[in-house]
Amino acid sequence: MKKDLNYYLSLNYPFKIEALSKEDGGGFLITYPDLPGCMSDGETIEEAVEMGQDAKRAWLETALEKGLEILEPFTTTEKYSGRITVRTPRSLHRKLIEEAQEEGVSLNQYLVYLLSKGKSKSV
């Protein structure tokens, strides 16, 4: 398959939406982790997603024009990447970091330990 603009637009690039503080203008920020620097914003989540689609198209067009490498989304290239993204309350995040520091390991290592200690039903 030819890797042109339509090809890349057909891929399911994951995105992240964050609420912006009043100091930052309010509304919502959308970013695409697999497309460095690709971002936009909107007053509502729906508007941020719509603006993000425009930003993604412009980012891909520019990268293609300049002959830059465009990574495919990790969800497309590898079914089981070992990567998990989890949003937690700040208080839980703080507590987990403190516990990891007490154990002398990174937060990532500590989370893997906790998950393996709990053991999935499928393991």
PDB file of N, CA and C in Angstrom:
ATOM      1  N   MET A   1       0.841  -1.185   0.000  1.00  0.00           N
ATOM      2  CA  MET A   1       0.000   0.000   0.000  1.00  0.00           C
ATOM      3  C   MET A   1       0.886   1.249   0.000  1.00  0.00           C
ATOM      4  N   LYS A   2       0.507   2.215  -0.812  1.00  0.00           N
ATOM      5  CA  LYS A   2       1.251   3.475  -0.892  1.00  0.00           C
ATOM      6  C   LYS A   2       1.009   4.288   0.380  1.00  0.00           C
ATOM      7  N   LYS A   3       2.096   4.742   0.980  1.00  0.00           N
ATOM      8  CA  LYS A   3       1.975   5.502   2.228  1.00  0.00           C
ATOM      9  C   LYS A   3       1.892   6.991   1.916  1.00  0.00           C
ATOM     10  N   ASP A   4       0.703   7.393   1.466  1.00  0.00           N
ATOM     11  CA  ASP A   4       0.442   8.788   1.158  1.00  0.00           C
ATOM     12  C   ASP A   4      -0.430   9.393   2.260  1.00  0.00           C
ATOM     13  N   LEU A   5      -0.890  10.621   2.056  1.00  0.00           N
ATOM     14  CA  LEU A   5      -1.696  11.305   3.067  1.00  0.00           C
ATOM     15  C   LEU A   5      -2.926  10.485   3.446  1.00  0.00           C
ATOM     16  N   ASN A   6      -3.623   9.924   2.471  1.00  0.00           N
ATOM     17  CA  ASN A   6      -4.821   9.138   2.761  1.00  0.00           C
ATOM     18  C   ASN A   6      -4.499   7.911   3.613  1.00  0.00           C
ATOM     19  N   TYR A   7      -3.345   7.298   3.353  1.00  0.00           N
ATOM     20  CA  TYR A   7      -2.930   6.148   4.156  1.00  0.00           C
ATOM     21  C   TYR A   7      -2.788   6.557   5.626  1.00  0.00           C
ATOM     22  N   TYR A   8      -2.025   7.622   5.874  1.00  0.00           N
ATOM     23  CA  TYR A   8      -1.789   8.041   7.252  1.00  0.00           C
ATOM     24  C   TYR A   8      -3.070   8.545   7.927  1.00  0.00           C
ATOM     25  N   LEU A   9      -3.931   9.192   7.167  1.00  0.00           N
ATOM     26  CA  LEU A   9      -5.201   9.651   7.739  1.00  0.00           C
ATOM     27  C   LEU A   9      -6.118   8.479   8.098  1.00  0.00           C
ATOM     28  N   SER A  10      -5.921   7.340   7.445  1.00  0.00           N
ATOM     29  CA  SER A  10      -6.751   6.172   7.735  1.00  0.00           C
ATOM     30  C   SER A  10      -6.327   5.449   9.020  1.00  0.00           C
ATOM     31  N   LEU A  11      -5.126   5.769   9.518  1.00  0.00           N
ATOM     32  CA  LEU A  11      -4.633   5.119  10.734  1.00  0.00           C
ATOM     33  C   LEU A  11      -5.278   5.740  11.967  1.00  0.00           C
ATOM     34  N   ASN A  12      -5.416   4.948  13.004  1.00  0.00           N
ATOM     35  CA  ASN A  12      -6.063   5.397  14.233  1.00  0.00           C
ATOM     36  C   ASN A  12      -5.012   5.918  15.222  1.00  0.00           C
ATOM     37  N   TYR A  13      -4.619   7.183  15.046  1.00  0.00           N
ATOM     38  CA  TYR A  13      -3.646   7.783  15.961  1.00  0.00           C
ATOM     39  C   TYR A  13      -4.333   8.124  17.275  1.00  0.00           C
ATOM     40  N   PRO A  14      -3.795   7.615  18.398  1.00  0.00           N
ATOM     41  CA  PRO A  14      -4.390   7.963  19.689  1.00  0.00           C
ATOM     42  C   PRO A  14      -4.126   9.434  20.012  1.00  0.00           C
ATOM     43  N   PHE A  15      -5.034  10.024  20.753  1.00  0.00           N
ATOM     44  CA  PHE A  15      -4.853  11.408  21.162  1.00  0.00           C
ATOM     45  C   PHE A  15      -5.156  11.552  22.642  1.00  0.00           C
ATOM     46  N   LYS A  16      -4.716  12.662  23.183  1.00  0.00           N
ATOM     47  CA  LYS A  16      -4.896  12.949  24.610  1.00  0.00           C
ATOM     48  C   LYS A  16      -5.563  14.319  24.706  1.00  0.00           C
ATOM     49  N   ILE A  17      -6.574  14.424  25.555  1.00  0.00           N
ATOM     50  CA  ILE A  17      -7.262  15.696  25.763  1.00  0.00           C
ATOM     51  C   ILE A  17      -7.105  16.087  27.222  1.00  0.00           C
ATOM     52  N   GLU A  18      -6.705  17.343  27.431  1.00  0.00           N
ATOM     53  CA  GLU A  18      -6.531  17.869  28.784  1.00  0.00           C
ATOM     54  C   GLU A  18      -7.287  19.179  28.906  1.00  0.00           C
ATOM     55  N   ALA A  19      -7.889  19.391  30.080  1.00  0.00           N
ATOM     56  CA  ALA A  19      -8.533  20.669  30.351  1.00  0.00           C
ATOM     57  C   ALA A  19      -7.455  21.722  30.601  1.00  0.00           C
ATOM     58  N   LEU A  20      -7.636  22.888  30.012  1.00  0.00           N
ATOM     59  CA  LEU A  20      -6.702  23.988  30.213  1.00  0.00           C
ATOM     60  C   LEU A  20      -7.194  24.868  31.361  1.00  0.00           C
ATOM     61  N   SER A  21      -6.272  25.341  32.173  1.00  0.00           N
ATOM     62  CA  SER A  21      -6.638  26.221  33.286  1.00  0.00           C
ATOM     63  C   SER A  21      -7.101  27.571  32.741  1.00  0.00           C
ATOM     64  N   LYS A  22      -7.756  28.339  33.585  1.00  0.00           N
ATOM     65  CA  LYS A  22      -8.192  29.674  33.176  1.00  0.00           C
ATOM     66  C   LYS A  22      -6.986  30.536  32.807  1.00  0.00           C
ATOM     67  N   GLU A  23      -5.873  30.322  33.537  1.00  0.00           N
ATOM     68  CA  GLU A  23      -4.659  31.079  33.249  1.00  0.00           C
ATOM     69  C   GLU A  23      -4.117  30.773  31.853  1.00  0.00           C
ATOM     70  N   ASP A  24      -4.365  29.551  31.365  1.00  0.00           N
ATOM     71  CA  ASP A  24      -3.925  29.151  30.035  1.00  0.00           C
ATOM     72  C   ASP A  24      -4.981  29.394  28.968  1.00  0.00           C
ATOM     73  N   GLY A  25      -6.049  30.076  29.329  1.00  0.00           N
ATOM     74  CA  GLY A  25      -7.073  30.425  28.350  1.00  0.00           C
ATOM     75  C   GLY A  25      -8.326  29.583  28.405  1.00  0.00           C
ATOM     76  N   GLY A  26      -8.337  28.539  29.259  1.00  0.00           N
ATOM     77  CA  GLY A  26      -9.508  27.685  29.372  1.00  0.00           C
ATOM     78  C   GLY A  26      -9.680  26.787  28.159  1.00  0.00           C
ATOM     79  N   GLY A  27     -10.735  26.019  28.146  1.00  0.00           N
ATOM     80  CA  GLY A  27     -11.001  25.099  27.057  1.00  0.00           C
ATOM     81  C   GLY A  27     -10.225  23.804  27.216  1.00  0.00           C
ATOM     82  N   PHE A  28      -9.917  23.175  26.088  1.00  0.00           N
ATOM     83  CA  PHE A  28      -9.286  21.857  26.105  1.00  0.00           C
ATOM     84  C   PHE A  28      -8.165  21.791  25.075  1.00  0.00           C
ATOM     85  N   LEU A  29      -7.085  21.112  25.439  1.00  0.00           N
ATOM     86  CA  LEU A  29      -5.932  20.911  24.574  1.00  0.00           C
ATOM     87  C   LEU A  29      -5.938  19.470  24.090  1.00  0.00           C
ATOM     88  N   ILE A  30      -5.711  19.269  22.791  1.00  0.00           N
ATOM     89  CA  ILE A  30      -5.600  17.930  22.237  1.00  0.00           C
ATOM     90  C   ILE A  30      -4.191  17.757  21.682  1.00  0.00           C
ATOM     91  N   THR A  31      -3.560  16.627  21.995  1.00  0.00           N
ATOM     92  CA  THR A  31      -2.233  16.310  21.480  1.00  0.00           C
ATOM     93  C   THR A  31      -2.238  14.882  20.947  1.00  0.00           C
ATOM     94  N   TYR A  32      -1.313  14.615  20.028  1.00  0.00           N
ATOM     95  CA  TYR A  32      -1.145  13.285  19.443  1.00  0.00           C
ATOM     96  C   TYR A  32       0.250  12.793  19.812  1.00  0.00           C
ATOM     97  N   PRO A  33       0.374  11.887  20.791  1.00  0.00           N
ATOM     98  CA  PRO A  33       1.690  11.437  21.252  1.00  0.00           C
ATOM     99  C   PRO A  33       2.578  10.853  20.150  1.00  0.00           C
ATOM    100  N   ASP A  34       1.998  10.226  19.140  1.00  0.00           N
ATOM    101  CA  ASP A  34       2.783   9.623  18.069  1.00  0.00           C
ATOM    102  C   ASP A  34       3.175  10.620  16.980  1.00  0.00           C
ATOM    103  N   LEU A  35       2.675  11.851  17.070  1.00  0.00           N
ATOM    104  CA  LEU A  35       2.993  12.899  16.098  1.00  0.00           C
ATOM    105  C   LEU A  35       3.562  14.098  16.866  1.00  0.00           C
ATOM    106  N   PRO A  36       4.857  14.092  17.136  1.00  0.00           N
ATOM    107  CA  PRO A  36       5.468  15.121  17.991  1.00  0.00           C
ATOM    108  C   PRO A  36       5.150  16.549  17.549  1.00  0.00           C
ATOM    109  N   GLY A  37       4.630  17.324  18.498  1.00  0.00           N
ATOM    110  CA  GLY A  37       4.317  18.718  18.226  1.00  0.00           C
ATOM    111  C   GLY A  37       2.947  18.944  17.623  1.00  0.00           C
ATOM    112  N   CYS A  38       2.217  17.872  17.328  1.00  0.00           N
ATOM    113  CA  CYS A  38       0.881  18.004  16.747  1.00  0.00           C
ATOM    114  C   CYS A  38      -0.115  18.247  17.867  1.00  0.00           C
ATOM    115  N   MET A  39      -0.718  19.443  17.858  1.00  0.00           N
ATOM    116  CA  MET A  39      -1.664  19.799  18.911  1.00  0.00           C
ATOM    117  C   MET A  39      -2.614  20.870  18.427  1.00  0.00           C
ATOM    118  N   SER A  40      -3.699  21.007  19.151  1.00  0.00           N
ATOM    119  CA  SER A  40      -4.658  22.067  18.883  1.00  0.00           C
ATOM    120  C   SER A  40      -5.486  22.245  20.153  1.00  0.00           C
ATOM    121  N   ASP A  41      -6.476  23.109  20.089  1.00  0.00           N
ATOM    122  CA  ASP A  41      -7.336  23.289  21.258  1.00  0.00           C
ATOM    123  C   ASP A  41      -8.720  23.719  20.810  1.00  0.00           C
ATOM    124  N   GLY A  42      -9.623  23.769  21.755  1.00  0.00           N
ATOM    125  CA  GLY A  42     -10.988  24.192  21.486  1.00  0.00           C
ATOM    126  C   GLY A  42     -11.687  24.555  22.777  1.00  0.00           C
ATOM    127  N   GLU A  43     -12.782  25.260  22.647  1.00  0.00           N
ATOM    128  CA  GLU A  43     -13.562  25.658  23.826  1.00  0.00           C
ATOM    129  C   GLU A  43     -14.236  24.453  24.483  1.00  0.00           C
ATOM    130  N   THR A  44     -14.628  23.466  23.670  1.00  0.00           N
ATOM    131  CA  THR A  44     -15.271  22.260  24.180  1.00  0.00           C
ATOM    132  C   THR A  44     -14.424  21.051  23.751  1.00  0.00           C
ATOM    133  N   ILE A  45     -14.719  19.906  24.339  1.00  0.00           N
ATOM    134  CA  ILE A  45     -14.009  18.685  23.941  1.00  0.00           C
ATOM    135  C   ILE A  45     -14.277  18.389  22.468  1.00  0.00           C
ATOM    136  N   GLU A  46     -15.530  18.536  22.054  1.00  0.00           N
ATOM    137  CA  GLU A  46     -15.892  18.260  20.666  1.00  0.00           C
ATOM    138  C   GLU A  46     -15.136  19.179  19.707  1.00  0.00           C
ATOM    139  N   GLU A  47     -15.031  20.445  20.071  1.00  0.00           N
ATOM    140  CA  GLU A  47     -14.303  21.398  19.232  1.00  0.00           C
ATOM    141  C   GLU A  47     -12.810  21.066  19.213  1.00  0.00           C
ATOM    142  N   ALA A  48     -12.264  20.664  20.348  1.00  0.00           N
ATOM    143  CA  ALA A  48     -10.846  20.287  20.407  1.00  0.00           C
ATOM    144  C   ALA A  48     -10.579  19.084  19.495  1.00  0.00           C
ATOM    145  N   VAL A  49     -11.482  18.101  19.501  1.00  0.00           N
ATOM    146  CA  VAL A  49     -11.319  16.929  18.633  1.00  0.00           C
ATOM    147  C   VAL A  49     -11.386  17.350  17.169  1.00  0.00           C
ATOM    148  N   GLU A  50     -12.334  18.200  16.831  1.00  0.00           N
ATOM    149  CA  GLU A  50     -12.470  18.670  15.447  1.00  0.00           C
ATOM    150  C   GLU A  50     -11.227  19.452  15.019  1.00  0.00           C
ATOM    151  N   MET A  51     -10.768  20.340  15.870  1.00  0.00           N
ATOM    152  CA  MET A  51      -9.566  21.118  15.563  1.00  0.00           C
ATOM    153  C   MET A  51      -8.333  20.210  15.506  1.00  0.00           C
ATOM    154  N   GLY A  52      -8.339  19.170  16.349  1.00  0.00           N
ATOM    155  CA  GLY A  52      -7.240  18.213  16.346  1.00  0.00           C
ATOM    156  C   GLY A  52      -7.152  17.460  15.028  1.00  0.00           C
ATOM    157  N   GLN A  53      -8.291  17.141  14.436  1.00  0.00           N
ATOM    158  CA  GLN A  53      -8.300  16.469  13.133  1.00  0.00           C
ATOM    159  C   GLN A  53      -7.655  17.358  12.064  1.00  0.00           C
ATOM    160  N   ASP A  54      -7.969  18.659  12.120  1.00  0.00           N
ATOM    161  CA  ASP A  54      -7.355  19.604  11.186  1.00  0.00           C
ATOM    162  C   ASP A  54      -5.852  19.698  11.423  1.00  0.00           C
ATOM    163  N   ALA A  55      -5.454  19.744  12.692  1.00  0.00           N
ATOM    164  CA  ALA A  55      -4.025  19.833  13.029  1.00  0.00           C
ATOM    165  C   ALA A  55      -3.291  18.573  12.583  1.00  0.00           C
ATOM    166  N   LYS A  56      -3.927  17.413  12.777  1.00  0.00           N
ATOM    167  CA  LYS A  56      -3.297  16.148  12.366  1.00  0.00           C
ATOM    168  C   LYS A  56      -3.092  16.129  10.851  1.00  0.00           C
ATOM    169  N   ARG A  57      -4.083  16.548  10.098  1.00  0.00           N
ATOM    170  CA  ARG A  57      -3.969  16.587   8.635  1.00  0.00           C
ATOM    171  C   ARG A  57      -2.828  17.521   8.224  1.00  0.00           C
ATOM    172  N   ALA A  58      -2.783  18.708   8.822  1.00  0.00           N
ATOM    173  CA  ALA A  58      -1.726  19.672   8.477  1.00  0.00           C
ATOM    174  C   ALA A  58      -0.349  19.129   8.856  1.00  0.00           C
ATOM    175  N   TRP A  59      -0.254  18.482  10.007  1.00  0.00           N
ATOM    176  CA  TRP A  59       1.021  17.910  10.463  1.00  0.00           C
ATOM    177  C   TRP A  59       1.487  16.849   9.470  1.00  0.00           C
ATOM    178  N   LEU A  60       0.582  15.956   9.078  1.00  0.00           N
ATOM    179  CA  LEU A  60       0.934  14.886   8.144  1.00  0.00           C
ATOM    180  C   LEU A  60       1.307  15.445   6.773  1.00  0.00           C
ATOM    181  N   GLU A  61       0.543  16.424   6.279  1.00  0.00           N
ATOM    182  CA  GLU A  61       0.855  17.031   4.982  1.00  0.00           C
ATOM    183  C   GLU A  61       2.257  17.645   4.993  1.00  0.00           C
ATOM    184  N   THR A  62       2.570  18.374   6.056  1.00  0.00           N
ATOM    185  CA  THR A  62       3.880  19.025   6.174  1.00  0.00           C
ATOM    186  C   THR A  62       4.992  17.995   6.240  1.00  0.00           C
ATOM    187  N   ALA A  63       4.801  16.950   7.038  1.00  0.00           N
ATOM    188  CA  ALA A  63       5.819  15.904   7.161  1.00  0.00           C
ATOM    189  C   ALA A  63       6.058  15.215   5.819  1.00  0.00           C
ATOM    190  N   LEU A  64       4.997  14.950   5.080  1.00  0.00           N
ATOM    191  CA  LEU A  64       5.137  14.318   3.765  1.00  0.00           C
ATOM    192  C   LEU A  64       5.860  15.239   2.782  1.00  0.00           C
ATOM    193  N   GLU A  65       5.490  16.528   2.796  1.00  0.00           N
ATOM    194  CA  GLU A  65       6.128  17.494   1.901  1.00  0.00           C
ATOM    195  C   GLU A  65       7.623  17.612   2.176  1.00  0.00           C
ATOM    196  N   LYS A  66       7.997  17.552   3.454  1.00  0.00           N
ATOM    197  CA  LYS A  66       9.402  17.707   3.837  1.00  0.00           C
ATOM    198  C   LYS A  66      10.166  16.389   3.814  1.00  0.00           C
ATOM    199  N   GLY A  67       9.466  15.292   3.541  1.00  0.00           N
ATOM    200  CA  GLY A  67      10.114  13.982   3.492  1.00  0.00           C
ATOM    201  C   GLY A  67      10.530  13.465   4.858  1.00  0.00           C
ATOM    202  N   LEU A  68       9.838  13.902   5.909  1.00  0.00           N
ATOM    203  CA  LEU A  68      10.151  13.469   7.269  1.00  0.00           C
ATOM    204  C   LEU A  68       9.562  12.094   7.550  1.00  0.00           C
ATOM    205  N   GLU A  69      10.184  11.373   8.465  1.00  0.00           N
ATOM    206  CA  GLU A  69       9.665  10.069   8.859  1.00  0.00           C
ATOM    207  C   GLU A  69       8.369  10.258   9.646  1.00  0.00           C
ATOM    208  N   ILE A  70       7.380   9.483   9.297  1.00  0.00           N
ATOM    209  CA  ILE A  70       6.095   9.516  10.008  1.00  0.00           C
ATOM    210  C   ILE A  70       5.907   8.150  10.647  1.00  0.00           C
ATOM    211  N   LEU A  71       5.877   8.147  11.964  1.00  0.00           N
ATOM    212  CA  LEU A  71       5.675   6.890  12.678  1.00  0.00           C
ATOM    213  C   LEU A  71       4.207   6.504  12.638  1.00  0.00           C
ATOM    214  N   GLU A  72       3.972   5.215  12.505  1.00  0.00           N
ATOM    215  CA  GLU A  72       2.600   4.733  12.593  1.00  0.00           C
ATOM    216  C   GLU A  72       2.232   4.620  14.064  1.00  0.00           C
ATOM    217  N   PRO A  73       0.956   4.736  14.391  1.00  0.00           N
ATOM    218  CA  PRO A  73       0.558   4.646  15.799  1.00  0.00           C
ATOM    219  C   PRO A  73       0.949   3.295  16.386  1.00  0.00           C
ATOM    220  N   PHE A  74       1.365   3.311  17.649  1.00  0.00           N
ATOM    221  CA  PHE A  74       1.789   2.063  18.281  1.00  0.00           C
ATOM    222  C   PHE A  74       0.660   1.053  18.306  1.00  0.00           C
ATOM    223  N   THR A  75      -0.574   1.496  18.324  1.00  0.00           N
ATOM    224  CA  THR A  75      -1.703   0.574  18.355  1.00  0.00           C
ATOM    225  C   THR A  75      -1.853  -0.167  17.034  1.00  0.00           C
ATOM    226  N   THR A  76      -1.315   0.404  15.950  1.00  0.00           N
ATOM    227  CA  THR A  76      -1.419  -0.223  14.636  1.00  0.00           C
ATOM    228  C   THR A  76      -0.278  -1.189  14.397  1.00  0.00           C
ATOM    229  N   THR A  77       0.913  -0.828  14.854  1.00  0.00           N
ATOM    230  CA  THR A  77       2.094  -1.606  14.516  1.00  0.00           C
ATOM    231  C   THR A  77       2.324  -2.797  15.428  1.00  0.00           C
ATOM    232  N   GLU A  78       1.747  -2.784  16.607  1.00  0.00           N
ATOM    233  CA  GLU A  78       2.007  -3.876  17.535  1.00  0.00           C
ATOM    234  C   GLU A  78       0.780  -4.089  18.424  1.00  0.00           C
ATOM    235  N   LYS A  79       0.203  -5.254  18.348  1.00  0.00           N
ATOM    236  CA  LYS A  79      -1.019  -5.510  19.101  1.00  0.00           C
ATOM    237  C   LYS A  79      -0.786  -5.472  20.610  1.00  0.00           C
ATOM    238  N   TYR A  80       0.327  -6.038  21.050  1.00  0.00           N
ATOM    239  CA  TYR A  80       0.636  -6.060  22.485  1.00  0.00           C
ATOM    240  C   TYR A  80       1.988  -5.398  22.691  1.00  0.00           C
ATOM    241  N   SER A  81       1.979  -4.095  22.871  1.00  0.00           N
ATOM    242  CA  SER A  81       3.221  -3.332  22.948  1.00  0.00           C
ATOM    243  C   SER A  81       3.834  -3.322  24.343  1.00  0.00           C
ATOM    244  N   GLY A  82       3.052  -3.685  25.369  1.00  0.00           N
ATOM    245  CA  GLY A  82       3.551  -3.570  26.735  1.00  0.00           C
ATOM    246  C   GLY A  82       3.317  -2.184  27.311  1.00  0.00           C
ATOM    247  N   ARG A  83       2.702  -1.325  26.528  1.00  0.00           N
ATOM    248  CA  ARG A  83       2.463   0.055  26.938  1.00  0.00           C
ATOM    249  C   ARG A  83       1.020   0.188  27.411  1.00  0.00           C
ATOM    250  N   ILE A  84       0.869   0.746  28.609  1.00  0.00           N
ATOM    251  CA  ILE A  84      -0.459   1.008  29.166  1.00  0.00           C
ATOM    252  C   ILE A  84      -0.453   2.443  29.685  1.00  0.00           C
ATOM    253  N   THR A  85      -1.457   3.210  29.313  1.00  0.00           N
ATOM    254  CA  THR A  85      -1.583   4.576  29.803  1.00  0.00           C
ATOM    255  C   THR A  85      -2.785   4.620  30.737  1.00  0.00           C
ATOM    256  N   VAL A  86      -2.551   5.115  31.939  1.00  0.00           N
ATOM    257  CA  VAL A  86      -3.614   5.161  32.943  1.00  0.00           C
ATOM    258  C   VAL A  86      -3.648   6.557  33.568  1.00  0.00           C
ATOM    259  N   ARG A  87      -4.838   7.144  33.645  1.00  0.00           N
ATOM    260  CA  ARG A  87      -5.002   8.419  34.332  1.00  0.00           C
ATOM    261  C   ARG A  87      -5.472   8.104  35.748  1.00  0.00           C
ATOM    262  N   THR A  88      -4.852   8.738  36.745  1.00  0.00           N
ATOM    263  CA  THR A  88      -5.221   8.502  38.141  1.00  0.00           C
ATOM    264  C   THR A  88      -5.463   9.828  38.836  1.00  0.00           C
ATOM    265  N   PRO A  89      -6.175   9.799  39.941  1.00  0.00           N
ATOM    266  CA  PRO A  89      -6.289  11.024  40.740  1.00  0.00           C
ATOM    267  C   PRO A  89      -4.899  11.435  41.238  1.00  0.00           C
ATOM    268  N   ARG A  90      -4.687  12.720  41.399  1.00  0.00           N
ATOM    269  CA  ARG A  90      -3.382  13.222  41.841  1.00  0.00           C
ATOM    270  C   ARG A  90      -2.948  12.611  43.166  1.00  0.00           C
ATOM    271  N   SER A  91      -3.900  12.431  44.066  1.00  0.00           N
ATOM    272  CA  SER A  91      -3.544  11.887  45.387  1.00  0.00           C
ATOM    273  C   SER A  91      -3.014  10.456  45.263  1.00  0.00           C
ATOM    274  N   LEU A  92      -3.605   9.651  44.395  1.00  0.00           N
ATOM    275  CA  LEU A  92      -3.126   8.287  44.190  1.00  0.00           C
ATOM    276  C   LEU A  92      -1.760   8.296  43.513  1.00  0.00           C
ATOM    277  N   HIS A  93      -1.596   9.163  42.542  1.00  0.00           N
ATOM    278  CA  HIS A  93      -0.314   9.293  41.850  1.00  0.00           C
ATOM    279  C   HIS A  93       0.802   9.631  42.856  1.00  0.00           C
ATOM    280  N   ARG A  94       0.523  10.603  43.719  1.00  0.00           N
ATOM    281  CA  ARG A  94       1.499  10.996  44.744  1.00  0.00           C
ATOM    282  C   ARG A  94       1.837   9.824  45.652  1.00  0.00           C
ATOM    283  N   LYS A  95       0.806   9.105  46.108  1.00  0.00           N
ATOM    284  CA  LYS A  95       1.024   7.980  47.021  1.00  0.00           C
ATOM    285  C   LYS A  95       1.863   6.885  46.346  1.00  0.00           C
ATOM    286  N   LEU A  96       1.573   6.576  45.097  1.00  0.00           N
ATOM    287  CA  LEU A  96       2.333   5.551  44.383  1.00  0.00           C
ATOM    288  C   LEU A  96       3.792   5.965  44.200  1.00  0.00           C
ATOM    289  N   ILE A  97       4.023   7.225  43.888  1.00  0.00           N
ATOM    290  CA  ILE A  97       5.402   7.715  43.745  1.00  0.00           C
ATOM    291  C   ILE A  97       6.143   7.606  45.071  1.00  0.00           C
ATOM    292  N   GLU A  98       5.482   7.994  46.165  1.00  0.00           N
ATOM    293  CA  GLU A  98       6.119   7.909  47.481  1.00  0.00           C
ATOM    294  C   GLU A  98       6.455   6.465  47.843  1.00  0.00           C
ATOM    295  N   GLU A  99       5.550   5.533  47.552  1.00  0.00           N
ATOM    296  CA  GLU A  99       5.799   4.118  47.840  1.00  0.00           C
ATOM    297  C   GLU A  99       6.945   3.581  46.980  1.00  0.00           C
ATOM    298  N   ALA A 100       6.997   3.990  45.726  1.00  0.00           N
ATOM    299  CA  ALA A 100       8.085   3.556  44.844  1.00  0.00           C
ATOM    300  C   ALA A 100       9.421   4.076  45.361  1.00  0.00           C
ATOM    301  N   GLN A 101       9.441   5.311  45.823  1.00  0.00           N
ATOM    302  CA  GLN A 101      10.673   5.885  46.365  1.00  0.00           C
ATOM    303  C   GLN A 101      11.123   5.132  47.622  1.00  0.00           C
ATOM    304  N   GLU A 102      10.162   4.753  48.464  1.00  0.00           N
ATOM    305  CA  GLU A 102      10.487   3.980  49.666  1.00  0.00           C
ATOM    306  C   GLU A 102      11.129   2.641  49.301  1.00  0.00           C
ATOM    307  N   GLU A 103      10.681   2.054  48.191  1.00  0.00           N
ATOM    308  CA  GLU A 103      11.221   0.771  47.735  1.00  0.00           C
ATOM    309  C   GLU A 103      12.507   0.953  46.923  1.00  0.00           C
ATOM    310  N   GLY A 104      12.823   2.193  46.570  1.00  0.00           N
ATOM    311  CA  GLY A 104      14.030   2.466  45.808  1.00  0.00           C
ATOM    312  C   GLY A 104      13.936   2.061  44.337  1.00  0.00           C
ATOM    313  N   VAL A 105      12.716   2.109  43.783  1.00  0.00           N
ATOM    314  CA  VAL A 105      12.522   1.741  42.378  1.00  0.00           C
ATOM    315  C   VAL A 105      11.748   2.851  41.676  1.00  0.00           C
ATOM    316  N   SER A 106      11.713   2.776  40.340  1.00  0.00           N
ATOM    317  CA  SER A 106      10.936   3.752  39.575  1.00  0.00           C
ATOM    318  C   SER A 106       9.449   3.476  39.753  1.00  0.00           C
ATOM    319  N   LEU A 107       8.648   4.473  39.439  1.00  0.00           N
ATOM    320  CA  LEU A 107       7.198   4.287  39.503  1.00  0.00           C
ATOM    321  C   LEU A 107       6.767   3.166  38.566  1.00  0.00           C
ATOM    322  N   ASN A 108       7.333   3.127  37.374  1.00  0.00           N
ATOM    323  CA  ASN A 108       6.991   2.079  36.415  1.00  0.00           C
ATOM    324  C   ASN A 108       7.286   0.689  36.993  1.00  0.00           C
ATOM    325  N   GLN A 109       8.468   0.517  37.561  1.00  0.00           N
ATOM    326  CA  GLN A 109       8.827  -0.778  38.150  1.00  0.00           C
ATOM    327  C   GLN A 109       7.884  -1.140  39.292  1.00  0.00           C
ATOM    328  N   TYR A 110       7.522  -0.148  40.100  1.00  0.00           N
ATOM    329  CA  TYR A 110       6.634  -0.394  41.229  1.00  0.00           C
ATOM    330  C   TYR A 110       5.239  -0.812  40.748  1.00  0.00           C
ATOM    331  N   LEU A 111       4.742  -0.166  39.689  1.00  0.00           N
ATOM    332  CA  LEU A 111       3.428  -0.528  39.162  1.00  0.00           C
ATOM    333  C   LEU A 111       3.430  -1.942  38.581  1.00  0.00           C
ATOM    334  N   VAL A 112       4.503  -2.318  37.888  1.00  0.00           N
ATOM    335  CA  VAL A 112       4.607  -3.680  37.359  1.00  0.00           C
ATOM    336  C   VAL A 112       4.593  -4.673  38.521  1.00  0.00           C
ATOM    337  N   TYR A 113       5.316  -4.345  39.592  1.00  0.00           N
ATOM    338  CA  TYR A 113       5.336  -5.205  40.783  1.00  0.00           C
ATOM    339  C   TYR A 113       3.915  -5.360  41.346  1.00  0.00           C
ATOM    340  N   LEU A 114       3.210  -4.248  41.530  1.00  0.00           N
ATOM    341  CA  LEU A 114       1.860  -4.313  42.098  1.00  0.00           C
ATOM    342  C   LEU A 114       0.916  -5.118  41.206  1.00  0.00           C
ATOM    343  N   LEU A 115       1.019  -4.910  39.897  1.00  0.00           N
ATOM    344  CA  LEU A 115       0.149  -5.654  38.980  1.00  0.00           C
ATOM    345  C   LEU A 115       0.459  -7.144  39.011  1.00  0.00           C
ATOM    346  N   SER A 116       1.735  -7.486  39.035  1.00  0.00           N
ATOM    347  CA  SER A 116       2.094  -8.910  39.039  1.00  0.00           C
ATOM    348  C   SER A 116       1.750  -9.555  40.377  1.00  0.00           C
ATOM    349  N   LYS A 117       1.825  -8.785  41.454  1.00  0.00           N
ATOM    350  CA  LYS A 117       1.471  -9.299  42.779  1.00  0.00           C
ATOM    351  C   LYS A 117      -0.018  -9.618  42.840  1.00  0.00           C
ATOM    352  N   GLY A 118      -0.852  -8.790  42.187  1.00  0.00           N
ATOM    353  CA  GLY A 118      -2.291  -9.008  42.172  1.00  0.00           C
ATOM    354  C   GLY A 118      -2.690 -10.119  41.242  1.00  0.00           C
ATOM    355  N   LYS A 119      -1.877 -10.416  40.263  1.00  0.00           N
ATOM    356  CA  LYS A 119      -2.072 -11.484  39.285  1.00  0.00           C
ATOM    357  C   LYS A 119      -3.433 -11.431  38.596  1.00  0.00           C
ATOM    358  N   SER A 120      -3.368 -11.386  37.303  1.00  0.00           N
ATOM    359  CA  SER A 120      -4.560 -11.408  36.470  1.00  0.00           C
ATOM    360  C   SER A 120      -5.154 -12.804  36.482  1.00  0.00           C
ATOM    361  N   LYS A 121      -6.456 -12.932  36.269  1.00  0.00           N
ATOM    362  CA  LYS A 121      -7.092 -14.235  36.185  1.00  0.00           C
ATOM    363  C   LYS A 121      -6.563 -15.051  35.018  1.00  0.00           C
ATOM    364  N   SER A 122      -6.052 -14.341  33.991  1.00  0.00           N
ATOM    365  CA  SER A 122      -5.581 -15.041  32.796  1.00  0.00           C
ATOM    366  C   SER A 122      -4.141 -15.526  32.934  1.00  0.00           C
ATOM    367  N   VAL A 123      -3.458 -15.178  34.026  1.00  0.00           N
ATOM    368  CA  VAL A 123      -2.056 -15.580  34.190  1.00  0.00           C
ATOM    369  C   VAL A 123      -1.978 -16.905  34.919  1.00  0.00           C
TER     370      VAL A 123
END
